[in-house]
Amino acid sequence: MTERAQLVELLKKKSVRFGAFTLASGATSDLYIDARLTTMSPEGLALIGPLALSTIRRMRWNADSIGGLTLGADPIAYAASFASTMSPPLLRAFTVRKEPKEHGTRKLIEGPFKPGDRVVVVEDVVTSGASALRAIDAVREAGGEVVGVVALVDRHEGGTEKIKTAGYSLITLVEGEELRAR
């Protein structure tokens, strides 16, 4: 079984629930994906890091850093960054806060992000695209150049189109429909 197929099965086992759910976007769905149950597991991190990194390199985005809106993007960005230590060049990970800190440096972006970085923005589950676009805005305001977006799962509910309309390439590791198959 390929690593990607293993990831699909792991998501189905750990993260997928069927029922009646209200999503963060406000939409309702019979499919709920709590990606963190996979992305924060040891086996999920071990699969996601190399898959995300190889996707970024296949796209030839030549990124310096990777990150997105906390909390969903964090483990994916950290896993890809760690995977880069085994296959340089290194990819630094960062986190975009939902609100700037109220003390200290009052930063919105935490970690080794640098102005001028070529950045891949991460999203765990794309529904409306709002989280990725919010992270893109933060990166651009801090002086970064967004070269692409990597999503763990795309629900195909309009978010991908919004991200692409805003001028960004988006690549997903798993399609939402793959998680419906039992």
Protein backbone atom coordinates (compact mmCIF):
# COMPACT_ATOMS: atom_id res chain seq x y z
CA MET A 1 0.00 0.00 0.00
CA THR A 2 1.38 3.44 -0.92
CA GLU A 3 1.97 6.08 1.75
CA ARG A 4 -0.88 8.12 0.28
CA ALA A 5 -3.24 5.13 0.47
CA GLN A 6 -2.13 4.58 4.07
CA LEU A 7 -2.95 8.23 4.82
CA VAL A 8 -6.44 7.87 3.33
CA GLU A 9 -7.07 4.79 5.48
CA LEU A 10 -5.70 6.49 8.59
CA LEU A 11 -7.93 9.53 8.04
CA LYS A 12 -10.95 7.25 7.59
CA LYS A 13 -10.11 5.34 10.75
CA LYS A 14 -9.22 8.26 13.02
CA SER A 15 -10.77 11.45 11.66
CA VAL A 16 -13.96 10.78 9.68
CA ARG A 17 -17.41 10.80 11.25
CA PHE A 18 -20.83 10.58 9.60
CA GLY A 19 -23.95 12.28 10.94
CA ALA A 20 -25.33 15.83 11.00
CA PHE A 21 -22.66 18.48 11.60
CA THR A 22 -22.26 22.26 11.44
CA LEU A 23 -18.81 23.10 10.07
CA ALA A 24 -16.57 26.03 11.02
CA SER A 25 -17.70 27.72 7.79
CA GLY A 26 -21.30 27.60 9.03
CA ALA A 27 -22.28 25.05 6.38
CA THR A 28 -23.91 21.77 7.35
CA SER A 29 -22.63 18.37 6.25
CA ASP A 30 -23.14 14.68 6.83
CA LEU A 31 -19.34 14.26 6.83
CA TYR A 32 -17.12 15.61 9.61
CA ILE A 33 -13.35 15.44 9.34
CA ASP A 34 -11.45 16.07 12.58
CA ALA A 35 -8.07 16.04 10.85
CA ARG A 36 -6.17 16.73 14.09
CA LEU A 37 -6.89 13.18 15.25
CA THR A 38 -4.70 12.07 12.34
CA THR A 39 -2.28 14.99 11.97
CA MET A 40 -1.30 14.90 15.64
CA SER A 41 -0.84 11.14 15.78
CA PRO A 42 2.65 9.63 15.38
CA GLU A 43 1.65 7.60 12.33
CA GLY A 44 -0.12 10.60 10.78
CA LEU A 45 2.92 12.83 11.24
CA ALA A 46 5.17 10.15 9.75
CA LEU A 47 2.99 9.92 6.62
CA ILE A 48 2.02 13.57 6.18
CA GLY A 49 5.50 15.11 6.49
CA PRO A 50 7.14 13.28 3.59
CA LEU A 51 3.97 13.44 1.43
CA ALA A 52 3.58 17.19 1.90
CA LEU A 53 7.29 17.78 1.30
CA SER A 54 7.36 15.68 -1.88
CA THR A 55 4.25 17.50 -3.14
CA ILE A 56 5.89 20.89 -2.57
CA ARG A 57 9.04 19.77 -4.35
CA ARG A 58 7.11 18.20 -7.21
CA MET A 59 5.42 21.58 -7.72
CA ARG A 60 8.89 23.23 -7.72
CA TRP A 61 7.72 25.94 -5.36
CA ASN A 62 11.26 26.29 -3.89
CA ALA A 63 9.88 27.39 -0.53
CA ASP A 64 11.85 28.68 2.43
CA SER A 65 9.11 28.19 5.01
CA ILE A 66 5.75 26.54 5.56
CA GLY A 67 2.86 27.33 7.89
CA GLY A 68 -0.71 28.37 8.27
CA LEU A 69 -3.45 29.37 10.65
CA THR A 70 -3.17 27.69 14.04
CA LEU A 71 -4.24 25.01 15.03
CA GLY A 72 -5.11 22.90 12.02
CA ALA A 73 -2.07 23.79 9.93
CA ASP A 74 0.51 23.45 12.71
CA PRO A 75 1.18 19.69 12.80
CA ILE A 76 1.22 19.48 8.99
CA ALA A 77 3.75 22.31 8.71
CA TYR A 78 5.91 20.87 11.50
CA ALA A 79 5.85 17.39 9.93
CA ALA A 80 6.91 18.74 6.51
CA SER A 81 9.64 20.83 8.12
CA PHE A 82 10.96 17.82 10.04
CA ALA A 83 10.86 15.68 6.88
CA SER A 84 13.09 18.27 5.18
CA THR A 85 15.89 17.46 7.65
CA MET A 86 16.17 14.05 6.00
CA SER A 87 16.01 15.51 2.50
CA PRO A 88 17.43 19.06 2.36
CA PRO A 89 17.07 21.88 1.56
CA LEU A 90 15.48 22.68 4.89
CA LEU A 91 11.96 24.07 5.11
CA ARG A 92 11.31 26.20 8.21
CA ALA A 93 7.88 25.94 9.92
CA PHE A 94 5.85 28.79 11.39
CA THR A 95 2.41 29.41 12.88
CA VAL A 96 -0.06 32.19 12.10
CA ARG A 97 -1.94 33.21 15.22
CA LYS A 98 -5.66 33.99 15.01
CA GLU A 99 -4.98 37.25 16.83
CA PRO A 100 -1.68 39.06 17.51
CA LYS A 101 -0.17 38.52 20.96
CA GLU A 102 -1.28 41.14 23.47
CA HIS A 103 2.19 41.30 25.04
CA GLY A 104 5.86 41.15 24.10
CA THR A 105 6.44 41.49 20.36
CA ARG A 106 2.71 41.41 19.50
CA LYS A 107 3.51 39.15 16.55
CA LEU A 108 0.88 37.48 14.39
CA ILE A 109 3.39 35.01 12.92
CA GLU A 110 5.43 32.87 15.31
CA GLY A 111 8.51 30.87 14.47
CA PRO A 112 11.47 31.33 12.12
CA PHE A 113 9.51 32.99 9.29
CA LYS A 114 11.49 35.85 7.69
CA PRO A 115 10.32 38.73 5.51
CA GLY A 116 11.19 37.81 1.93
CA ASP A 117 10.54 34.09 2.49
CA ARG A 118 8.95 32.06 -0.28
CA VAL A 119 6.09 30.44 1.65
CA VAL A 120 3.79 27.46 1.31
CA VAL A 121 0.58 28.01 3.24
CA VAL A 122 -0.98 24.91 4.81
CA GLU A 123 -4.61 24.07 5.46
CA ASP A 124 -5.85 20.89 7.11
CA VAL A 125 -9.35 20.74 5.61
CA VAL A 126 -10.42 23.18 2.89
CA THR A 127 -14.12 23.99 3.02
CA SER A 128 -14.66 27.74 2.44
CA GLY A 129 -10.98 28.59 2.01
CA ALA A 130 -11.22 31.29 4.69
CA SER A 131 -8.44 29.95 6.95
CA ALA A 132 -5.94 29.63 4.11
CA LEU A 133 -6.80 33.10 2.80
CA ARG A 134 -6.42 34.56 6.28
CA ALA A 135 -2.97 32.95 6.59
CA ILE A 136 -2.04 34.20 3.10
CA ASP A 137 -2.97 37.75 4.10
CA ALA A 138 -0.87 37.53 7.28
CA VAL A 139 2.16 36.19 5.38
CA ARG A 140 1.92 38.86 2.71
CA GLU A 141 1.52 41.64 5.30
CA ALA A 142 4.67 40.34 7.03
CA GLY A 143 6.65 40.49 3.79
CA GLY A 144 6.43 36.88 2.62
CA GLU A 145 5.72 35.66 -0.90
CA VAL A 146 3.12 32.89 -1.02
CA VAL A 147 4.15 30.39 -3.70
CA GLY A 148 1.36 27.86 -3.13
CA VAL A 149 -1.10 26.21 -0.78
CA VAL A 150 -1.05 22.58 0.37
CA ALA A 151 -4.17 21.10 1.92
CA LEU A 152 -4.50 17.76 3.64
CA VAL A 153 -8.14 17.34 2.53
CA ASP A 154 -10.34 19.27 0.09
CA ARG A 155 -14.07 18.99 0.79
CA HIS A 156 -14.86 20.55 -2.63
CA GLU A 157 -17.30 23.06 -1.19
CA GLY A 158 -15.99 26.22 -2.88
CA GLY A 159 -12.79 26.88 -0.93
CA THR A 160 -10.42 25.70 -3.63
CA GLU A 161 -12.06 28.01 -6.15
CA LYS A 162 -11.76 30.99 -3.78
CA ILE A 163 -8.07 30.31 -3.22
CA LYS A 164 -7.42 29.90 -6.95
CA THR A 165 -9.47 33.02 -7.76
CA ALA A 166 -7.23 34.91 -5.33
CA GLY A 167 -4.31 33.84 -7.53
CA TYR A 168 -2.81 30.89 -5.64
CA SER A 169 -2.14 27.28 -6.66
CA LEU A 170 -3.62 24.70 -4.31
CA ILE A 171 -2.62 21.05 -4.15
CA THR A 172 -4.41 18.54 -1.91
CA LEU A 173 -3.07 15.31 -0.50
CA VAL A 174 -6.52 13.67 -0.16
CA GLU A 175 -9.86 14.42 -1.81
CA GLY A 176 -12.89 14.55 0.48
CA GLU A 177 -14.81 12.01 -1.61
CA GLU A 178 -12.10 9.43 -0.96
CA LEU A 179 -13.04 9.59 2.73
CA ARG A 180 -16.68 8.73 2.02
CA ALA A 181 -15.82 5.30 0.63
CA ARG A 182 -16.13 2.79 3.43
